[in-house]
Amino acid sequence: MKGYLILADGKKFEGELFGSRSATSGEVVFSTAMEGYEQSITDPSFKGQILTFTYPMIGNYGIPSEERDEFDILKYFEGDELSVKGVVVCEYSEGFSHYRGVKSFSHWLEEKGVSGISGIDTRALTEYLRENGSQLGQIVPENISPQDFSTIEDPNEYNIVASVSTPKEKVYTPKNKKYSVAVFDFGVKNNQIREFLKRGIEVVLLPWDADITSRLDEFDGIFLSNGPGDPEKVIGKVQKNIIATLEKEMPLWGICLGNQLLALAVGGKTKKMKYGNRGVNQPCKDVKTGRCFITSQNHGFEVDKDSLPGGWSVWWENLNDGSTEGIIHENLPACSVQFHPESCPGPQDANVLFDEFVAVLESNKK
């Protein structure tokens, strides 16, 4: 079935629909990842977005089973639901070949009610988004009239975190439990939970708006997860927990949205990026030590480095565009990064940061 990708500024791309083949709308963004499409599409940070893959062929290794591990966590996906509103590819592969593959990419999208469009010059689309910025868009079958853009909901204009966070507290306890960490679920990726568990860290997963200011003694540290949308729509109910943790001088770490929320909580500012950084090949530098990582990223907002208050400084910076990739306090055991050390999909260079956080927990207990 023929269809169109239409951007809010009127730019139109013609292609063939696959998946659910239904009309859909969202913020059109792009990722440069060459693999891991099943993990990207289930990453809660993509909630409300139409995801464009720059790699020319998607689907060639199919989709794995929904097998779960001993903690009832999906083994091969980053969330229980498909987060994206739509998918844009140059070519999708109906045939697939992989020892884990159990169904085709298109079949999976159809099952989950997500529409895709293929035959798009994704290189041209990506160049257009880089020049004109990420914007609202819609995928429309040829026999359906486009929706008026004034009626399309922008995922950056409301608290979208509330739609991806756990509704109730959950506890994941490894057999070799060493410490317990409160994990605020703003859209946490499954692999962040896995990385804590395999290091003997109990994860107490909390709703995004939980108030634990009177419960801090129950935990050895606090973690602020990744998530979608504008951090300013969330900070109101999160700030009190962050400030209480800092005042108690407890270990605190954040990733992605967690990095932005930490900055806002202490008086810094965040800003929308023109088209964001989404992919698995972003070089980042530790400005304190000079070490460099190739990182996985998925964000459309960044911390304004010039807004950081006294005692806080830039920890990591992006070597491509100079954007802030992490902040750290000069005395307190508190820091955060914009990139994804759990790297799923992506390189594992930064995975060592989980070990460093565990070392901080150990040091704080002495």
Protein backbone atom coordinates (compact mmCIF):
# COMPACT_ATOMS: atom_id res chain seq x y z
CA MET A 1 0.00 0.00 0.00
CA LYS A 2 1.33 3.40 -0.97
CA GLY A 3 1.67 5.99 1.76
CA TYR A 4 3.37 9.23 2.69
CA LEU A 5 5.57 10.66 5.42
CA ILE A 6 4.51 14.29 5.82
CA LEU A 7 6.44 16.75 7.99
CA ALA A 8 4.88 19.69 9.79
CA ASP A 9 6.56 22.19 7.45
CA GLY A 10 4.93 20.53 4.42
CA LYS A 11 7.83 18.37 3.23
CA LYS A 12 6.48 15.07 1.85
CA PHE A 13 8.12 11.70 1.15
CA GLU A 14 6.37 8.88 -0.76
CA GLY A 15 6.83 5.21 0.13
CA GLU A 16 5.20 1.85 0.82
CA LEU A 17 3.50 1.09 4.12
CA PHE A 18 4.24 -2.04 6.15
CA GLY A 19 3.51 -3.15 9.69
CA SER A 20 0.01 -2.06 10.75
CA ARG A 21 -0.31 0.22 7.67
CA SER A 22 -2.38 2.70 9.66
CA ALA A 23 -2.12 6.47 10.00
CA THR A 24 0.08 7.68 12.85
CA SER A 25 1.82 10.84 14.03
CA GLY A 26 4.65 11.94 16.30
CA GLU A 27 7.99 13.76 16.43
CA VAL A 28 10.19 12.62 13.52
CA VAL A 29 13.76 11.84 14.63
CA PHE A 30 16.61 9.73 13.27
CA SER A 31 19.07 7.19 14.65
CA THR A 32 22.41 6.27 13.10
CA ALA A 33 22.55 2.84 14.79
CA MET A 34 23.39 0.05 12.33
CA GLU A 35 21.81 -2.71 14.44
CA GLY A 36 19.65 -3.23 17.50
CA TYR A 37 16.42 -2.01 15.90
CA GLU A 38 14.32 -4.23 18.18
CA GLN A 39 15.94 -2.63 21.23
CA SER A 40 15.63 0.91 19.90
CA ILE A 41 11.95 0.48 19.08
CA THR A 42 11.22 -0.79 22.63
CA ASP A 43 13.35 1.91 24.31
CA PRO A 44 10.92 4.09 26.34
CA SER A 45 13.02 7.16 25.49
CA PHE A 46 11.54 6.97 21.96
CA LYS A 47 7.98 7.29 23.29
CA GLY A 48 5.84 9.47 21.03
CA GLN A 49 8.34 9.58 18.17
CA ILE A 50 8.48 8.39 14.57
CA LEU A 51 11.90 6.79 14.31
CA THR A 52 13.94 7.00 11.11
CA PHE A 53 16.75 4.48 10.69
CA THR A 54 19.63 5.85 8.62
CA TYR A 55 21.04 2.36 8.00
CA PRO A 56 19.68 1.38 4.55
CA MET A 57 18.25 -2.07 5.36
CA ILE A 58 16.31 -2.93 8.51
CA GLY A 59 14.83 -6.30 9.49
CA ASN A 60 17.36 -8.72 8.02
CA TYR A 61 17.85 -10.65 11.28
CA GLY A 62 14.18 -10.62 12.26
CA ILE A 63 12.75 -10.32 15.76
CA PRO A 64 13.61 -12.58 18.73
CA SER A 65 11.16 -14.25 21.10
CA GLU A 66 9.62 -12.54 24.11
CA GLU A 67 11.47 -14.88 26.46
CA ARG A 68 11.95 -13.61 30.02
CA ASP A 69 14.78 -14.14 32.49
CA GLU A 70 14.69 -15.24 36.15
CA PHE A 71 13.58 -11.71 37.16
CA ASP A 72 10.71 -11.72 34.63
CA ILE A 73 12.52 -9.16 32.47
CA LEU A 74 12.38 -9.52 28.69
CA LYS A 75 15.76 -10.84 27.55
CA TYR A 76 16.01 -9.21 24.14
CA PHE A 77 14.03 -5.96 24.42
CA GLU A 78 14.45 -2.71 26.34
CA GLY A 79 10.81 -2.36 27.37
CA ASP A 80 7.59 -4.37 27.46
CA GLU A 81 5.93 -2.21 24.81
CA LEU A 82 6.86 -0.71 21.46
CA SER A 83 7.56 2.93 22.28
CA VAL A 84 7.66 4.46 18.82
CA LYS A 85 4.61 5.82 16.99
CA GLY A 86 6.02 4.82 13.61
CA VAL A 87 9.10 3.61 11.75
CA VAL A 88 10.78 5.00 8.62
CA VAL A 89 13.26 2.90 6.62
CA CYS A 90 14.87 2.87 3.22
CA GLU A 91 14.33 -0.87 2.80
CA TYR A 92 12.86 -3.42 5.17
CA SER A 93 13.69 -7.09 4.87
CA GLU A 94 10.67 -9.40 4.93
CA GLY A 95 13.00 -12.38 4.87
CA PHE A 96 15.27 -12.79 7.89
CA SER A 97 18.07 -15.04 9.08
CA HIS A 98 19.25 -15.30 12.68
CA TYR A 99 19.32 -18.09 15.26
CA ARG A 100 17.12 -16.00 17.59
CA GLY A 101 14.74 -14.76 14.91
CA VAL A 102 11.16 -16.00 15.26
CA LYS A 103 9.21 -13.50 13.14
CA SER A 104 9.73 -10.80 10.53
CA PHE A 105 10.15 -7.13 11.35
CA SER A 106 6.92 -6.22 9.51
CA HIS A 107 4.94 -9.00 11.21
CA TRP A 108 6.12 -7.79 14.62
CA LEU A 109 5.09 -4.19 13.91
CA GLU A 110 1.71 -5.38 12.63
CA GLU A 111 1.14 -7.44 15.79
CA LYS A 112 1.96 -4.44 17.97
CA GLY A 113 -0.11 -1.96 15.95
CA VAL A 114 2.80 0.17 14.75
CA SER A 115 2.98 1.51 11.21
CA GLY A 116 6.12 1.65 9.10
CA ILE A 117 6.98 3.20 5.77
CA SER A 118 9.73 1.96 3.44
CA GLY A 119 11.18 3.13 0.15
CA ILE A 120 12.09 6.47 1.73
CA ASP A 121 15.40 8.13 0.88
CA THR A 122 16.43 8.14 4.53
CA ARG A 123 19.72 9.86 3.72
CA ALA A 124 17.82 12.80 2.23
CA LEU A 125 15.34 12.79 5.13
CA THR A 126 18.15 12.76 7.69
CA GLU A 127 19.91 15.63 5.94
CA TYR A 128 16.63 17.54 5.92
CA LEU A 129 16.09 16.99 9.67
CA ARG A 130 19.67 18.05 10.41
CA GLU A 131 19.17 21.28 8.49
CA ASN A 132 15.63 22.04 9.63
CA GLY A 133 15.45 20.29 12.99
CA SER A 134 13.33 17.45 14.37
CA GLN A 135 9.64 18.20 13.92
CA LEU A 136 6.19 16.69 14.06
CA GLY A 137 5.23 14.40 11.23
CA GLN A 138 2.70 11.79 10.20
CA ILE A 139 2.62 8.56 8.24
CA VAL A 140 -0.54 8.49 6.11
CA PRO A 141 -1.98 5.82 3.75
CA GLU A 142 -2.71 7.24 0.28
CA ASN A 143 -6.47 6.82 0.73
CA ILE A 144 -6.63 8.83 3.98
CA SER A 145 -6.50 12.62 4.33
CA PRO A 146 -3.61 13.95 6.45
CA GLN A 147 -4.42 15.15 9.96
CA ASP A 148 -4.30 18.89 10.67
CA PHE A 149 -0.96 19.43 12.43
CA SER A 150 -2.61 21.78 14.93
CA THR A 151 -4.38 18.71 16.35
CA ILE A 152 -1.26 16.50 16.64
CA GLU A 153 0.10 16.08 20.14
CA ASP A 154 3.75 17.06 20.57
CA PRO A 155 5.45 14.62 23.01
CA ASN A 156 7.67 17.46 24.25
CA GLU A 157 4.73 19.59 25.39
CA TYR A 158 3.46 17.39 28.23
CA ASN A 159 4.72 14.97 30.88
CA ILE A 160 5.18 11.88 28.72
CA VAL A 161 7.28 10.20 31.44
CA ALA A 162 4.08 9.42 33.35
CA SER A 163 2.98 7.15 30.49
CA VAL A 164 6.11 4.96 30.57
CA SER A 165 6.94 4.77 34.28
CA THR A 166 6.01 1.79 36.44
CA PRO A 167 2.68 2.42 38.21
CA LYS A 168 3.85 0.68 41.38
CA GLU A 169 7.04 -0.14 43.22
CA LYS A 170 8.86 -3.32 42.14
CA VAL A 171 11.83 -5.02 43.78
CA TYR A 172 14.45 -7.09 41.92
CA THR A 173 16.77 -8.91 44.33
CA PRO A 174 19.84 -10.82 43.05
CA LYS A 175 21.06 -13.90 44.91
CA ASN A 176 24.38 -12.21 45.67
CA LYS A 177 22.84 -8.99 46.99
CA LYS A 178 25.45 -6.48 48.17
CA TYR A 179 23.60 -3.16 48.13
CA SER A 180 20.14 -1.75 47.47
CA VAL A 181 19.57 1.13 45.05
CA ALA A 182 16.37 3.11 44.54
CA VAL A 183 15.85 3.42 40.78
CA PHE A 184 13.47 6.14 39.66
CA ASP A 185 11.70 4.87 36.57
CA PHE A 186 11.37 7.72 34.10
CA GLY A 187 11.39 5.16 31.26
CA VAL A 188 14.19 2.88 32.43
CA LYS A 189 15.75 0.54 29.89
CA ASN A 190 15.77 -3.13 30.87
CA ASN A 191 19.51 -3.35 30.42
CA GLN A 192 20.11 -0.77 33.14
CA ILE A 193 18.30 -3.07 35.56
CA ARG A 194 20.29 -6.05 34.27
CA GLU A 195 23.61 -4.25 34.76
CA PHE A 196 22.79 -3.51 38.39
CA LEU A 197 21.56 -7.04 39.11
CA LYS A 198 24.61 -8.79 37.69
CA ARG A 199 26.77 -6.69 40.03
CA GLY A 200 24.81 -7.80 43.09
CA ILE A 201 22.78 -4.59 43.36
CA GLU A 202 19.16 -4.90 44.41
CA VAL A 203 16.92 -2.66 42.30
CA VAL A 204 13.94 -1.03 43.99
CA LEU A 205 12.09 0.33 40.96
CA LEU A 206 10.00 3.37 41.83
CA PRO A 207 7.27 5.31 40.01
CA TRP A 208 8.55 8.58 38.56
CA ASP A 209 6.71 10.69 41.15
CA ALA A 210 7.39 8.58 44.25
CA ASP A 211 8.36 10.53 47.38
CA ILE A 212 11.20 8.79 49.21
CA THR A 213 12.48 11.72 51.25
CA SER A 214 11.50 9.88 54.44
CA ARG A 215 12.83 6.52 53.20
CA LEU A 216 16.39 7.33 52.21
CA ASP A 217 17.83 5.17 55.00
CA GLU A 218 16.39 2.11 53.24
CA PHE A 219 18.82 2.51 50.34
CA ASP A 220 22.54 2.62 49.70
CA GLY A 221 22.21 4.88 46.67
CA ILE A 222 19.81 6.59 44.29
CA PHE A 223 19.66 6.22 40.51
CA LEU A 224 17.82 8.46 38.02
CA SER A 225 16.98 6.59 34.81
CA ASN A 226 16.64 7.58 31.20
CA GLY A 227 13.27 8.58 29.76
CA PRO A 228 11.45 10.55 27.06
CA GLY A 229 10.43 14.16 26.63
CA ASP A 230 11.25 17.53 28.12
CA PRO A 231 12.82 17.29 31.61
CA GLU A 232 11.17 20.54 32.65
CA LYS A 233 7.78 18.79 32.47
CA VAL A 234 8.95 16.32 35.14
CA ILE A 235 11.26 18.15 37.54
CA GLY A 236 8.50 19.57 39.75
CA LYS A 237 7.84 16.27 41.55
CA VAL A 238 11.38 14.92 41.29
CA GLN A 239 13.48 17.76 42.69
CA LYS A 240 12.69 17.12 46.37
CA ASN A 241 14.08 13.58 46.17
CA ILE A 242 17.28 14.73 44.50
CA ILE A 243 17.86 17.57 46.95
CA ALA A 244 17.20 15.29 49.94
CA THR A 245 19.71 12.76 48.57
CA LEU A 246 22.36 15.44 48.09
CA GLU A 247 21.78 16.86 51.57
CA LYS A 248 22.24 13.39 53.04
CA GLU A 249 25.42 12.99 50.94
CA MET A 250 24.23 9.67 49.54
CA PRO A 251 25.63 8.25 46.30
CA LEU A 252 23.54 9.50 43.38
CA TRP A 253 23.92 8.70 39.69
CA GLY A 254 21.81 9.45 36.64
CA ILE A 255 21.68 8.51 32.96
CA CYS A 256 20.21 10.48 30.04
CA LEU A 257 17.01 12.16 31.33
CA GLY A 258 18.43 11.54 34.79
CA ASN A 259 21.39 13.73 33.87
CA GLN A 260 19.08 16.57 32.83
CA LEU A 261 16.90 16.23 35.93
CA LEU A 262 19.94 16.38 38.22
CA ALA A 263 21.07 19.58 36.52
CA LEU A 264 17.62 21.15 36.83
CA ALA A 265 17.27 20.10 40.48
CA VAL A 266 20.43 21.94 41.52
CA GLY A 267 19.54 25.13 39.63
CA GLY A 268 20.89 24.48 36.14
CA LYS A 269 19.02 24.71 32.86
CA THR A 270 18.31 22.43 29.91
CA LYS A 271 17.57 23.23 26.27
CA LYS A 272 16.12 21.50 23.22
CA MET A 273 18.69 20.40 20.65
CA LYS A 274 18.11 21.02 16.96
CA TYR A 275 17.92 17.32 16.08
CA GLY A 276 19.42 15.53 19.08
CA ASN A 277 21.93 12.70 19.29
CA ARG A 278 20.59 9.20 18.61
CA GLY A 279 22.91 6.37 17.63
CA VAL A 280 25.77 4.21 18.85
CA ASN A 281 28.84 6.04 17.58
CA GLN A 282 29.06 9.25 19.62
CA PRO A 283 32.59 10.01 20.94
CA CYS A 284 32.66 11.46 24.47
CA LYS A 285 35.55 12.73 26.56
CA ASP A 286 35.99 12.78 30.33
CA VAL A 287 37.22 16.35 30.80
CA LYS A 288 38.74 15.43 34.18
CA THR A 289 40.96 12.57 33.02
CA GLY A 290 41.01 12.76 29.22
CA ARG A 291 39.67 9.21 28.74
CA CYS A 292 37.35 8.76 25.76
CA PHE A 293 34.41 6.45 25.11
CA ILE A 294 32.40 5.67 21.99
CA THR A 295 28.86 5.82 23.31
CA SER A 296 25.24 4.93 22.64
CA GLN A 297 22.87 7.90 22.86
CA ASN A 298 19.21 8.81 22.57
CA HIS A 299 18.23 12.33 23.58
CA GLY A 300 16.78 15.53 22.18
CA PHE A 301 17.60 17.82 25.13
CA GLU A 302 20.90 18.77 26.74
CA VAL A 303 22.22 20.45 29.87
CA ASP A 304 23.27 24.08 29.41
CA LYS A 305 26.88 23.96 30.62
CA ASP A 306 26.92 27.70 31.39
CA SER A 307 24.00 27.35 33.80
CA LEU A 308 25.62 24.97 36.29
CA PRO A 309 25.84 26.41 39.84
CA GLY A 310 28.92 26.51 42.03
CA GLY A 311 30.27 23.12 43.05
CA TRP A 312 29.06 21.51 39.81
CA SER A 313 31.02 21.16 36.59
CA VAL A 314 30.97 19.42 33.23
CA TRP A 315 32.23 15.85 33.58
CA TRP A 316 31.87 14.58 29.99
CA GLU A 317 31.58 16.40 26.67
CA ASN A 318 30.62 15.29 23.17
CA LEU A 319 33.59 15.47 20.82
CA ASN A 320 31.34 15.95 17.77
CA ASP A 321 29.25 18.92 18.83
CA GLY A 322 30.67 19.99 22.21
CA SER A 323 27.39 19.32 24.03
CA THR A 324 27.38 18.44 27.71
CA GLU A 325 27.50 14.67 28.26
CA GLY A 326 27.75 14.55 32.03
CA ILE A 327 28.01 16.61 35.20
CA ILE A 328 29.69 15.98 38.56
CA HIS A 329 29.89 17.59 42.00
CA GLU A 330 33.29 18.54 43.34
CA ASN A 331 32.70 17.07 46.82
CA LEU A 332 29.47 15.08 46.96
CA PRO A 333 29.18 11.49 45.58
CA ALA A 334 26.84 12.73 42.85
CA CYS A 335 27.23 12.66 39.07
CA SER A 336 25.40 11.77 35.89
CA VAL A 337 25.95 11.10 32.19
CA GLN A 338 23.91 11.92 29.10
CA PHE A 339 24.97 8.82 27.16
CA HIS A 340 24.02 5.18 27.84
CA PRO A 341 26.68 3.07 29.64
CA GLU A 342 24.33 0.07 29.50
CA SER A 343 24.74 0.37 25.71
CA CYS A 344 21.97 -1.78 24.30
CA PRO A 345 22.35 -1.48 21.37
CA GLY A 346 25.83 -0.09 21.10
CA PRO A 347 29.46 -0.28 22.21
CA GLN A 348 30.39 -1.36 25.72
CA ASP A 349 33.18 1.14 26.35
CA ALA A 350 31.26 3.05 29.04
CA ASN A 351 29.94 -0.04 30.84
CA VAL A 352 32.71 0.44 33.40
CA LEU A 353 30.74 3.37 34.86
CA PHE A 354 28.44 0.85 36.55
CA ASP A 355 31.48 -0.59 38.31
CA GLU A 356 32.55 2.89 39.34
CA PHE A 357 29.13 3.57 40.85
CA VAL A 358 29.35 0.31 42.80
CA ALA A 359 32.76 1.42 44.05
CA VAL A 360 31.18 4.65 45.30
CA LEU A 361 28.52 2.61 47.14
CA GLU A 362 31.24 0.53 48.77
CA SER A 363 33.26 3.58 49.75
CA ASN A 364 30.22 5.28 51.22
CA LYS A 365 29.50 2.28 53.47
CA LYS A 366 32.95 2.32 55.07
